[in-house]
Amino acid sequence: MALQASGMSPAISSSSLAGGSICDVRCVHLEDGSQVVCKIVQEISDVNMLASECRGLEQLSATNCIRTPNVLAHVTMETSAVLILEYLERGENASWQRAGRSLAALHQSACDVHYGSGDEVWLGRTRFPPVSTDDWGDLLIEHRLRPLLRDVVDARTLDRDTAHGVEERLAVIRQAVPSQPAAALLHGDLWAGNLMPLATGDVAFLDPASFIGDPIADPAMTLLFGGIPQSFMGSWCEVMGEMDNVQERIAGVQAMHLLNHVRLFGSGYVPQLMDCLKHFA
């Protein structure tokens, strides 16, 4: 129905693709011989999440800096939605060095000087409301870390004593991160699973959670879980040049992602979170 509503050729078959922890992700073969990727959600909250991903892909694509799948259509119904994307063929010999330079070009491109987003941002199934501030530390602490901390305490995923220790670190993080780093449009969720080497030699940037922030926030997520060739980060650093308070800025963003993982996946991430927060002891 979504393909027909978008004026596309009828589907003749489909197969499941990796990356479907929230969405049903399918490669759909069309009658005209082409292929598309359909991301399908069936819950009302996920409809909003998919709309946020669509906005992020369009924002990133508009910069002409990094390779993203083109958005072909976005069809929303009452409690379900389909995001139809360009099909990209996976490859083995992509240039991670070129991808790192492309990411740096994104981070150096002109954007709004206010941190945050005029739209809601979703990290997995965690929703962050629209916010705009001229202080990066304010965004990171008051609109990311502190709301996440409240959520995990309310859910009893984090005990009160541990939560108090995290709360004490927030003031230290606030002092350690710059208030006004160069503002950059971010991918926002740049772990290895959202970077796909292509047969063309490019690397595709998938599933964004885009907002305006400290450019170091993207490599902070990449470094958190690893799995990416060192040439990716090396070329990004080469283009971006030296930065102040690098380790503290990285750790502050990583703490946010780890606290979100505690919220989404449970207490198994608490030891890694507390280890990360040792930067702010």
C-alpha atoms as a PDB file:
ATOM      1  CA  MET A   1       0.000   0.000   0.000  1.00  0.00           C
ATOM      2  CA  ALA A   2       2.835   2.423   0.859  1.00  0.00           C
ATOM      3  CA  LEU A   3       4.591   1.716  -2.444  1.00  0.00           C
ATOM      4  CA  GLN A   4       1.386   2.244  -4.373  1.00  0.00           C
ATOM      5  CA  ALA A   5       0.641   5.464  -2.492  1.00  0.00           C
ATOM      6  CA  SER A   6       4.104   6.708  -3.424  1.00  0.00           C
ATOM      7  CA  GLY A   7       3.621   5.966  -7.105  1.00  0.00           C
ATOM      8  CA  MET A   8       6.196   3.167  -7.188  1.00  0.00           C
ATOM      9  CA  SER A   9       6.201  -0.081  -9.109  1.00  0.00           C
ATOM     10  CA  PRO A  10       4.380  -2.970  -7.366  1.00  0.00           C
ATOM     11  CA  ALA A  11       6.346  -5.296  -5.098  1.00  0.00           C
ATOM     12  CA  ILE A  12       6.981  -8.854  -6.201  1.00  0.00           C
ATOM     13  CA  SER A  13       8.984 -10.138  -3.194  1.00  0.00           C
ATOM     14  CA  SER A  14      10.756  -9.044  -0.040  1.00  0.00           C
ATOM     15  CA  SER A  15      13.372 -10.292   2.407  1.00  0.00           C
ATOM     16  CA  SER A  16      14.358  -9.260   5.927  1.00  0.00           C
ATOM     17  CA  LEU A  17      17.450  -7.118   6.494  1.00  0.00           C
ATOM     18  CA  ALA A  18      19.606  -6.682   9.596  1.00  0.00           C
ATOM     19  CA  GLY A  19      18.911  -3.658  11.785  1.00  0.00           C
ATOM     20  CA  GLY A  20      15.326  -4.440  12.651  1.00  0.00           C
ATOM     21  CA  SER A  21      15.401  -4.266  16.461  1.00  0.00           C
ATOM     22  CA  ILE A  22      12.612  -1.656  16.412  1.00  0.00           C
ATOM     23  CA  CYS A  23      11.534  -1.508  12.775  1.00  0.00           C
ATOM     24  CA  ASP A  24      10.698  -4.356  10.449  1.00  0.00           C
ATOM     25  CA  VAL A  25      13.383  -3.666   7.814  1.00  0.00           C
ATOM     26  CA  ARG A  26      12.896  -5.284   4.427  1.00  0.00           C
ATOM     27  CA  CYS A  27      14.550  -5.275   1.024  1.00  0.00           C
ATOM     28  CA  VAL A  28      11.658  -5.109  -1.430  1.00  0.00           C
ATOM     29  CA  HIS A  29      12.056  -6.210  -5.053  1.00  0.00           C
ATOM     30  CA  LEU A  30       9.818  -4.262  -7.420  1.00  0.00           C
ATOM     31  CA  GLU A  31       8.180  -5.266 -10.650  1.00  0.00           C
ATOM     32  CA  ASP A  32      10.343  -2.835 -12.642  1.00  0.00           C
ATOM     33  CA  GLY A  33      13.502  -4.677 -11.507  1.00  0.00           C
ATOM     34  CA  SER A  34      14.611  -2.157  -8.883  1.00  0.00           C
ATOM     35  CA  GLN A  35      14.986  -2.633  -5.140  1.00  0.00           C
ATOM     36  CA  VAL A  36      14.103  -0.394  -2.201  1.00  0.00           C
ATOM     37  CA  VAL A  37      14.427  -0.659   1.562  1.00  0.00           C
ATOM     38  CA  CYS A  38      11.232  -0.376   3.589  1.00  0.00           C
ATOM     39  CA  LYS A  39      11.341   0.362   7.322  1.00  0.00           C
ATOM     40  CA  ILE A  40       7.969  -0.457   8.866  1.00  0.00           C
ATOM     41  CA  VAL A  41       6.675   0.380  12.353  1.00  0.00           C
ATOM     42  CA  GLN A  42       3.346  -0.580  13.925  1.00  0.00           C
ATOM     43  CA  GLU A  43       3.287   1.380  17.211  1.00  0.00           C
ATOM     44  CA  ILE A  44       2.239   5.043  17.524  1.00  0.00           C
ATOM     45  CA  SER A  45       5.395   6.042  19.456  1.00  0.00           C
ATOM     46  CA  ASP A  46       7.532   4.375  16.806  1.00  0.00           C
ATOM     47  CA  VAL A  47       5.726   6.380  14.115  1.00  0.00           C
ATOM     48  CA  ASN A  48       7.167   9.539  15.658  1.00  0.00           C
ATOM     49  CA  MET A  49      10.587   7.923  15.952  1.00  0.00           C
ATOM     50  CA  LEU A  50      10.568   6.998  12.258  1.00  0.00           C
ATOM     51  CA  ALA A  51       9.572  10.559  11.339  1.00  0.00           C
ATOM     52  CA  SER A  52      12.572  11.811  13.322  1.00  0.00           C
ATOM     53  CA  GLU A  53      14.881   9.448  11.424  1.00  0.00           C
ATOM     54  CA  CYS A  54      13.441  10.691   8.131  1.00  0.00           C
ATOM     55  CA  ARG A  55      14.108  14.321   9.105  1.00  0.00           C
ATOM     56  CA  GLY A  56      17.656  13.443  10.107  1.00  0.00           C
ATOM     57  CA  LEU A  57      18.390  11.699   6.814  1.00  0.00           C
ATOM     58  CA  GLU A  58      17.063  14.664   4.874  1.00  0.00           C
ATOM     59  CA  GLN A  59      19.079  17.137   6.946  1.00  0.00           C
ATOM     60  CA  LEU A  60      22.291  15.159   6.519  1.00  0.00           C
ATOM     61  CA  SER A  61      21.713  14.614   2.806  1.00  0.00           C
ATOM     62  CA  ALA A  62      21.159  18.339   2.246  1.00  0.00           C
ATOM     63  CA  THR A  63      24.737  19.086   3.361  1.00  0.00           C
ATOM     64  CA  ASN A  64      26.203  16.978   0.508  1.00  0.00           C
ATOM     65  CA  CYS A  65      28.970  15.920   2.910  1.00  0.00           C
ATOM     66  CA  ILE A  66      28.261  12.306   3.852  1.00  0.00           C
ATOM     67  CA  ARG A  67      26.632   9.402   2.035  1.00  0.00           C
ATOM     68  CA  THR A  68      23.173   8.567   3.293  1.00  0.00           C
ATOM     69  CA  PRO A  69      20.418   6.489   1.711  1.00  0.00           C
ATOM     70  CA  ASN A  70      18.077   8.768  -0.206  1.00  0.00           C
ATOM     71  CA  VAL A  71      14.569   9.085   1.229  1.00  0.00           C
ATOM     72  CA  LEU A  72      12.170   7.981  -1.512  1.00  0.00           C
ATOM     73  CA  ALA A  73       8.943   8.269   0.473  1.00  0.00           C
ATOM     74  CA  HIS A  74       7.605   8.484   3.999  1.00  0.00           C
ATOM     75  CA  VAL A  75       4.041   7.228   4.402  1.00  0.00           C
ATOM     76  CA  THR A  76       2.275   7.679   7.738  1.00  0.00           C
ATOM     77  CA  MET A  77      -1.025   6.111   8.771  1.00  0.00           C
ATOM     78  CA  GLU A  78      -2.836   6.364  12.120  1.00  0.00           C
ATOM     79  CA  THR A  79      -0.727   3.886  14.081  1.00  0.00           C
ATOM     80  CA  SER A  80       1.853   2.738  11.551  1.00  0.00           C
ATOM     81  CA  ALA A  81       4.358   4.177   9.104  1.00  0.00           C
ATOM     82  CA  VAL A  82       6.721   3.151   6.325  1.00  0.00           C
ATOM     83  CA  LEU A  83       9.995   4.864   5.430  1.00  0.00           C
ATOM     84  CA  ILE A  84      11.074   3.916   1.909  1.00  0.00           C
ATOM     85  CA  LEU A  85      14.776   4.327   1.263  1.00  0.00           C
ATOM     86  CA  GLU A  86      17.239   3.851  -1.547  1.00  0.00           C
ATOM     87  CA  TYR A  87      18.734   0.362  -1.582  1.00  0.00           C
ATOM     88  CA  LEU A  88      22.508   0.418  -1.068  1.00  0.00           C
ATOM     89  CA  GLU A  89      24.720  -2.562  -1.849  1.00  0.00           C
ATOM     90  CA  ARG A  90      27.114  -3.597   0.896  1.00  0.00           C
ATOM     91  CA  GLY A  91      30.806  -3.940  -0.035  1.00  0.00           C
ATOM     92  CA  GLU A  92      34.100  -4.998   1.520  1.00  0.00           C
ATOM     93  CA  ASN A  93      36.674  -2.414   0.438  1.00  0.00           C
ATOM     94  CA  ALA A  94      35.216   0.926   1.434  1.00  0.00           C
ATOM     95  CA  SER A  95      37.488   3.898   2.139  1.00  0.00           C
ATOM     96  CA  TRP A  96      37.118   4.564   5.862  1.00  0.00           C
ATOM     97  CA  GLN A  97      39.666   7.345   5.559  1.00  0.00           C
ATOM     98  CA  ARG A  98      37.469   9.156   3.047  1.00  0.00           C
ATOM     99  CA  ALA A  99      34.443   8.563   5.265  1.00  0.00           C
ATOM    100  CA  GLY A 100      36.248  10.200   8.199  1.00  0.00           C
ATOM    101  CA  ARG A 101      37.046  13.238   6.088  1.00  0.00           C
ATOM    102  CA  SER A 102      33.411  13.394   4.971  1.00  0.00           C
ATOM    103  CA  LEU A 103      32.259  13.367   8.583  1.00  0.00           C
ATOM    104  CA  ALA A 104      34.666  16.215   9.352  1.00  0.00           C
ATOM    105  CA  ALA A 105      33.264  18.146   6.373  1.00  0.00           C
ATOM    106  CA  LEU A 106      29.786  17.683   7.852  1.00  0.00           C
ATOM    107  CA  HIS A 107      30.980  18.984  11.217  1.00  0.00           C
ATOM    108  CA  GLN A 108      32.575  22.022   9.580  1.00  0.00           C
ATOM    109  CA  SER A 109      29.577  22.893   7.422  1.00  0.00           C
ATOM    110  CA  ALA A 110      27.394  25.881   8.257  1.00  0.00           C
ATOM    111  CA  CYS A 111      24.500  25.200  10.629  1.00  0.00           C
ATOM    112  CA  ASP A 112      22.325  26.807  13.292  1.00  0.00           C
ATOM    113  CA  VAL A 113      24.476  28.178  16.118  1.00  0.00           C
ATOM    114  CA  HIS A 114      21.997  26.991  18.777  1.00  0.00           C
ATOM    115  CA  TYR A 115      22.479  23.534  20.272  1.00  0.00           C
ATOM    116  CA  GLY A 116      19.630  21.043  20.157  1.00  0.00           C
ATOM    117  CA  SER A 117      16.820  20.647  17.657  1.00  0.00           C
ATOM    118  CA  GLY A 118      13.530  22.305  16.803  1.00  0.00           C
ATOM    119  CA  ASP A 119      12.071  18.801  16.524  1.00  0.00           C
ATOM    120  CA  GLU A 120      12.024  15.860  18.892  1.00  0.00           C
ATOM    121  CA  VAL A 121      15.067  13.586  18.732  1.00  0.00           C
ATOM    122  CA  TRP A 122      14.935   9.835  19.316  1.00  0.00           C
ATOM    123  CA  LEU A 123      17.820   7.655  20.514  1.00  0.00           C
ATOM    124  CA  GLY A 124      16.347   4.200  20.127  1.00  0.00           C
ATOM    125  CA  ARG A 125      13.026   4.440  21.933  1.00  0.00           C
ATOM    126  CA  THR A 126      14.152   7.345  24.111  1.00  0.00           C
ATOM    127  CA  ARG A 127      12.487  10.608  23.147  1.00  0.00           C
ATOM    128  CA  PHE A 128      14.142  13.980  23.747  1.00  0.00           C
ATOM    129  CA  PRO A 129      11.736  16.939  23.335  1.00  0.00           C
ATOM    130  CA  PRO A 130      12.561  19.902  21.087  1.00  0.00           C
ATOM    131  CA  VAL A 131      15.006  22.301  22.716  1.00  0.00           C
ATOM    132  CA  SER A 132      17.257  25.136  21.590  1.00  0.00           C
ATOM    133  CA  THR A 133      19.982  26.641  23.766  1.00  0.00           C
ATOM    134  CA  ASP A 134      23.155  28.650  23.279  1.00  0.00           C
ATOM    135  CA  ASP A 135      24.986  26.543  25.900  1.00  0.00           C
ATOM    136  CA  TRP A 136      26.215  23.039  25.010  1.00  0.00           C
ATOM    137  CA  GLY A 137      26.763  22.136  28.654  1.00  0.00           C
ATOM    138  CA  ASP A 138      23.162  23.082  29.395  1.00  0.00           C
ATOM    139  CA  LEU A 139      21.914  20.808  26.605  1.00  0.00           C
ATOM    140  CA  LEU A 140      24.094  17.892  27.673  1.00  0.00           C
ATOM    141  CA  ILE A 141      23.292  18.111  31.397  1.00  0.00           C
ATOM    142  CA  GLU A 142      19.770  19.515  31.665  1.00  0.00           C
ATOM    143  CA  HIS A 143      18.227  18.088  28.493  1.00  0.00           C
ATOM    144  CA  ARG A 144      20.062  14.766  28.125  1.00  0.00           C
ATOM    145  CA  LEU A 145      21.825  13.400  31.218  1.00  0.00           C
ATOM    146  CA  ARG A 146      19.511  14.635  33.987  1.00  0.00           C
ATOM    147  CA  PRO A 147      16.254  13.494  32.313  1.00  0.00           C
ATOM    148  CA  LEU A 148      17.831  10.101  31.618  1.00  0.00           C
ATOM    149  CA  LEU A 149      18.931   9.837  35.242  1.00  0.00           C
ATOM    150  CA  ARG A 150      15.382  10.582  36.416  1.00  0.00           C
ATOM    151  CA  ASP A 151      14.022   7.890  34.113  1.00  0.00           C
ATOM    152  CA  VAL A 152      16.346   5.135  35.343  1.00  0.00           C
ATOM    153  CA  VAL A 153      15.741   6.062  38.992  1.00  0.00           C
ATOM    154  CA  ASP A 154      11.963   6.066  38.468  1.00  0.00           C
ATOM    155  CA  ALA A 155      12.234   2.673  36.753  1.00  0.00           C
ATOM    156  CA  ARG A 156      14.435   1.412  39.644  1.00  0.00           C
ATOM    157  CA  THR A 157      17.093   0.380  37.150  1.00  0.00           C
ATOM    158  CA  LEU A 158      19.599   2.429  39.140  1.00  0.00           C
ATOM    159  CA  ASP A 159      19.608   2.368  42.931  1.00  0.00           C
ATOM    160  CA  ARG A 160      19.490   5.639  44.880  1.00  0.00           C
ATOM    161  CA  ASP A 161      23.100   5.513  46.092  1.00  0.00           C
ATOM    162  CA  THR A 162      24.460   4.951  42.600  1.00  0.00           C
ATOM    163  CA  ALA A 163      22.146   7.628  41.229  1.00  0.00           C
ATOM    164  CA  HIS A 164      23.451  10.066  43.843  1.00  0.00           C
ATOM    165  CA  GLY A 165      26.994   9.334  42.665  1.00  0.00           C
ATOM    166  CA  VAL A 166      25.976  10.052  39.080  1.00  0.00           C
ATOM    167  CA  GLU A 167      24.239  13.257  40.122  1.00  0.00           C
ATOM    168  CA  GLU A 168      27.415  14.473  41.843  1.00  0.00           C
ATOM    169  CA  ARG A 169      29.341  13.951  38.620  1.00  0.00           C
ATOM    170  CA  LEU A 170      26.934  16.086  36.580  1.00  0.00           C
ATOM    171  CA  ALA A 171      28.213  19.309  38.118  1.00  0.00           C
ATOM    172  CA  VAL A 172      31.778  18.258  37.300  1.00  0.00           C
ATOM    173  CA  ILE A 173      30.848  17.438  33.710  1.00  0.00           C
ATOM    174  CA  ARG A 174      29.171  20.827  33.443  1.00  0.00           C
ATOM    175  CA  GLN A 175      32.426  22.539  34.392  1.00  0.00           C
ATOM    176  CA  ALA A 176      34.566  20.305  32.160  1.00  0.00           C
ATOM    177  CA  VAL A 177      32.745  20.677  28.842  1.00  0.00           C
ATOM    178  CA  PRO A 178      32.849  23.946  26.895  1.00  0.00           C
ATOM    179  CA  SER A 179      29.741  26.116  26.860  1.00  0.00           C
ATOM    180  CA  GLN A 180      30.141  27.106  23.234  1.00  0.00           C
ATOM    181  CA  PRO A 181      32.149  24.664  21.129  1.00  0.00           C
ATOM    182  CA  ALA A 182      31.858  25.048  17.374  1.00  0.00           C
ATOM    183  CA  ALA A 183      28.263  24.074  16.597  1.00  0.00           C
ATOM    184  CA  ALA A 184      27.879  21.145  14.194  1.00  0.00           C
ATOM    185  CA  LEU A 185      25.074  19.117  12.674  1.00  0.00           C
ATOM    186  CA  LEU A 186      25.532  15.658  14.181  1.00  0.00           C
ATOM    187  CA  HIS A 187      24.574  12.193  13.044  1.00  0.00           C
ATOM    188  CA  GLY A 188      23.789  11.649  16.721  1.00  0.00           C
ATOM    189  CA  ASP A 189      24.003   7.842  17.019  1.00  0.00           C
ATOM    190  CA  LEU A 190      27.229   6.975  15.226  1.00  0.00           C
ATOM    191  CA  TRP A 191      28.066   3.455  16.394  1.00  0.00           C
ATOM    192  CA  ALA A 192      29.451   0.766  14.077  1.00  0.00           C
ATOM    193  CA  GLY A 193      26.010  -0.638  13.260  1.00  0.00           C
ATOM    194  CA  ASN A 194      25.018   2.667  11.681  1.00  0.00           C
ATOM    195  CA  LEU A 195      28.018   2.762   9.331  1.00  0.00           C
ATOM    196  CA  MET A 196      27.806   0.494   6.282  1.00  0.00           C
ATOM    197  CA  PRO A 197      30.651  -0.049   3.792  1.00  0.00           C
ATOM    198  CA  LEU A 198      29.345   0.033   0.237  1.00  0.00           C
ATOM    199  CA  ALA A 199      30.311  -1.681  -3.002  1.00  0.00           C
ATOM    200  CA  THR A 200      31.039   1.782  -4.448  1.00  0.00           C
ATOM    201  CA  GLY A 201      33.850   2.309  -1.923  1.00  0.00           C
ATOM    202  CA  ASP A 202      31.840   4.822   0.098  1.00  0.00           C
ATOM    203  CA  VAL A 203      30.577   4.362   3.641  1.00  0.00           C
ATOM    204  CA  ALA A 204      26.873   4.988   4.249  1.00  0.00           C
ATOM    205  CA  PHE A 205      25.696   6.737   7.416  1.00  0.00           C
ATOM    206  CA  LEU A 206      22.436   5.141   8.572  1.00  0.00           C
ATOM    207  CA  ASP A 207      19.713   5.648  11.206  1.00  0.00           C
ATOM    208  CA  PRO A 208      20.566   9.155  12.454  1.00  0.00           C
ATOM    209  CA  ALA A 209      19.355  10.924  15.599  1.00  0.00           C
ATOM    210  CA  SER A 210      20.433  14.325  14.338  1.00  0.00           C
ATOM    211  CA  PHE A 211      20.709  17.560  16.292  1.00  0.00           C
ATOM    212  CA  ILE A 212      23.140  20.466  16.657  1.00  0.00           C
ATOM    213  CA  GLY A 213      25.943  19.907  19.145  1.00  0.00           C
ATOM    214  CA  ASP A 214      29.645  19.622  19.894  1.00  0.00           C
ATOM    215  CA  PRO A 215      31.273  17.971  16.837  1.00  0.00           C
ATOM    216  CA  ILE A 216      33.192  15.616  19.102  1.00  0.00           C
ATOM    217  CA  ALA A 217      29.892  13.971  20.056  1.00  0.00           C
ATOM    218  CA  ASP A 218      29.833  11.790  16.931  1.00  0.00           C
ATOM    219  CA  PRO A 219      33.317  10.267  17.318  1.00  0.00           C
ATOM    220  CA  ALA A 220      32.607   9.908  21.053  1.00  0.00           C
ATOM    221  CA  MET A 221      29.859   7.414  20.215  1.00  0.00           C
ATOM    222  CA  THR A 222      32.011   5.717  17.569  1.00  0.00           C
ATOM    223  CA  LEU A 223      34.811   5.197  20.105  1.00  0.00           C
ATOM    224  CA  LEU A 224      32.467   3.972  22.837  1.00  0.00           C
ATOM    225  CA  PHE A 225      31.734   0.562  21.326  1.00  0.00           C
ATOM    226  CA  GLY A 226      34.511   0.327  18.722  1.00  0.00           C
ATOM    227  CA  GLY A 227      34.392  -1.861  15.629  1.00  0.00           C
ATOM    228  CA  ILE A 228      35.456   0.879  13.183  1.00  0.00           C
ATOM    229  CA  PRO A 229      38.878   1.025  11.463  1.00  0.00           C
ATOM    230  CA  GLN A 230      41.289   3.502  13.073  1.00  0.00           C
ATOM    231  CA  SER A 231      41.692   5.289   9.742  1.00  0.00           C
ATOM    232  CA  PHE A 232      38.135   6.623  10.124  1.00  0.00           C
ATOM    233  CA  MET A 233      38.914   8.493  13.332  1.00  0.00           C
ATOM    234  CA  GLY A 234      42.438   9.355  12.221  1.00  0.00           C
ATOM    235  CA  SER A 235      41.262  11.197   9.126  1.00  0.00           C
ATOM    236  CA  TRP A 236      38.501  12.966  11.092  1.00  0.00           C
ATOM    237  CA  CYS A 237      41.064  14.215  13.632  1.00  0.00           C
ATOM    238  CA  GLU A 238      43.452  15.277  10.878  1.00  0.00           C
ATOM    239  CA  VAL A 239      40.838  17.534   9.287  1.00  0.00           C
ATOM    240  CA  MET A 240      39.344  18.870  12.529  1.00  0.00           C
ATOM    241  CA  GLY A 241      42.680  19.737  14.129  1.00  0.00           C
ATOM    242  CA  GLU A 242      43.463  20.126  17.813  1.00  0.00           C
ATOM    243  CA  MET A 243      40.680  20.584  20.370  1.00  0.00           C
ATOM    244  CA  ASP A 244      40.651  21.518  24.046  1.00  0.00           C
ATOM    245  CA  ASN A 245      39.483  19.182  26.827  1.00  0.00           C
ATOM    246  CA  VAL A 246      39.079  16.311  24.383  1.00  0.00           C
ATOM    247  CA  GLN A 247      38.894  13.444  26.888  1.00  0.00           C
ATOM    248  CA  GLU A 248      36.365  15.211  29.101  1.00  0.00           C
ATOM    249  CA  ARG A 249      34.190  16.179  26.136  1.00  0.00           C
ATOM    250  CA  ILE A 250      34.235  12.610  24.842  1.00  0.00           C
ATOM    251  CA  ALA A 251      33.492  11.127  28.267  1.00  0.00           C
ATOM    252  CA  GLY A 252      30.570  13.506  28.860  1.00  0.00           C
ATOM    253  CA  VAL A 253      28.859  12.381  25.648  1.00  0.00           C
ATOM    254  CA  GLN A 254      29.684   8.733  26.283  1.00  0.00           C
ATOM    255  CA  ALA A 255      28.103   9.005  29.734  1.00  0.00           C
ATOM    256  CA  MET A 256      24.910  10.194  28.060  1.00  0.00           C
ATOM    257  CA  HIS A 257      24.858   7.234  25.671  1.00  0.00           C
ATOM    258  CA  LEU A 258      25.647   4.759  28.444  1.00  0.00           C
ATOM    259  CA  LEU A 259      22.913   6.167  30.668  1.00  0.00           C
ATOM    260  CA  ASN A 260      20.524   5.824  27.742  1.00  0.00           C
ATOM    261  CA  HIS A 261      21.646   2.197  27.357  1.00  0.00           C
ATOM    262  CA  VAL A 262      20.858   1.651  31.044  1.00  0.00           C
ATOM    263  CA  ARG A 263      17.410   3.104  30.377  1.00  0.00           C
ATOM    264  CA  LEU A 264      16.804   0.970  27.284  1.00  0.00           C
ATOM    265  CA  PHE A 265      18.601  -2.286  28.052  1.00  0.00           C
ATOM    266  CA  GLY A 266      19.003  -2.478  31.814  1.00  0.00           C
ATOM    267  CA  SER A 267      21.562  -2.437  34.607  1.00  0.00           C
ATOM    268  CA  GLY A 268      24.191  -4.431  32.716  1.00  0.00           C
ATOM    269  CA  TYR A 269      25.559  -1.119  31.425  1.00  0.00           C
ATOM    270  CA  VAL A 270      25.924   0.431  34.902  1.00  0.00           C
ATOM    271  CA  PRO A 271      29.560  -0.717  35.459  1.00  0.00           C
ATOM    272  CA  GLN A 272      30.616   0.801  32.122  1.00  0.00           C
ATOM    273  CA  LEU A 273      28.739   3.993  32.970  1.00  0.00           C
ATOM    274  CA  MET A 274      30.451   4.330  36.353  1.00  0.00           C
ATOM    275  CA  ASP A 275      33.840   3.603  34.795  1.00  0.00           C
ATOM    276  CA  CYS A 276      33.221   6.373  32.258  1.00  0.00           C
ATOM    277  CA  LEU A 277      32.299   8.807  35.031  1.00  0.00           C
ATOM    278  CA  LYS A 278      35.697   8.301  36.697  1.00  0.00           C
ATOM    279  CA  HIS A 279      36.910  11.016  34.316  1.00  0.00           C
ATOM    280  CA  PHE A 280      34.935  13.412  36.511  1.00  0.00           C
ATOM    281  CA  ALA A 281      35.868  12.158  39.982  1.00  0.00           C
END
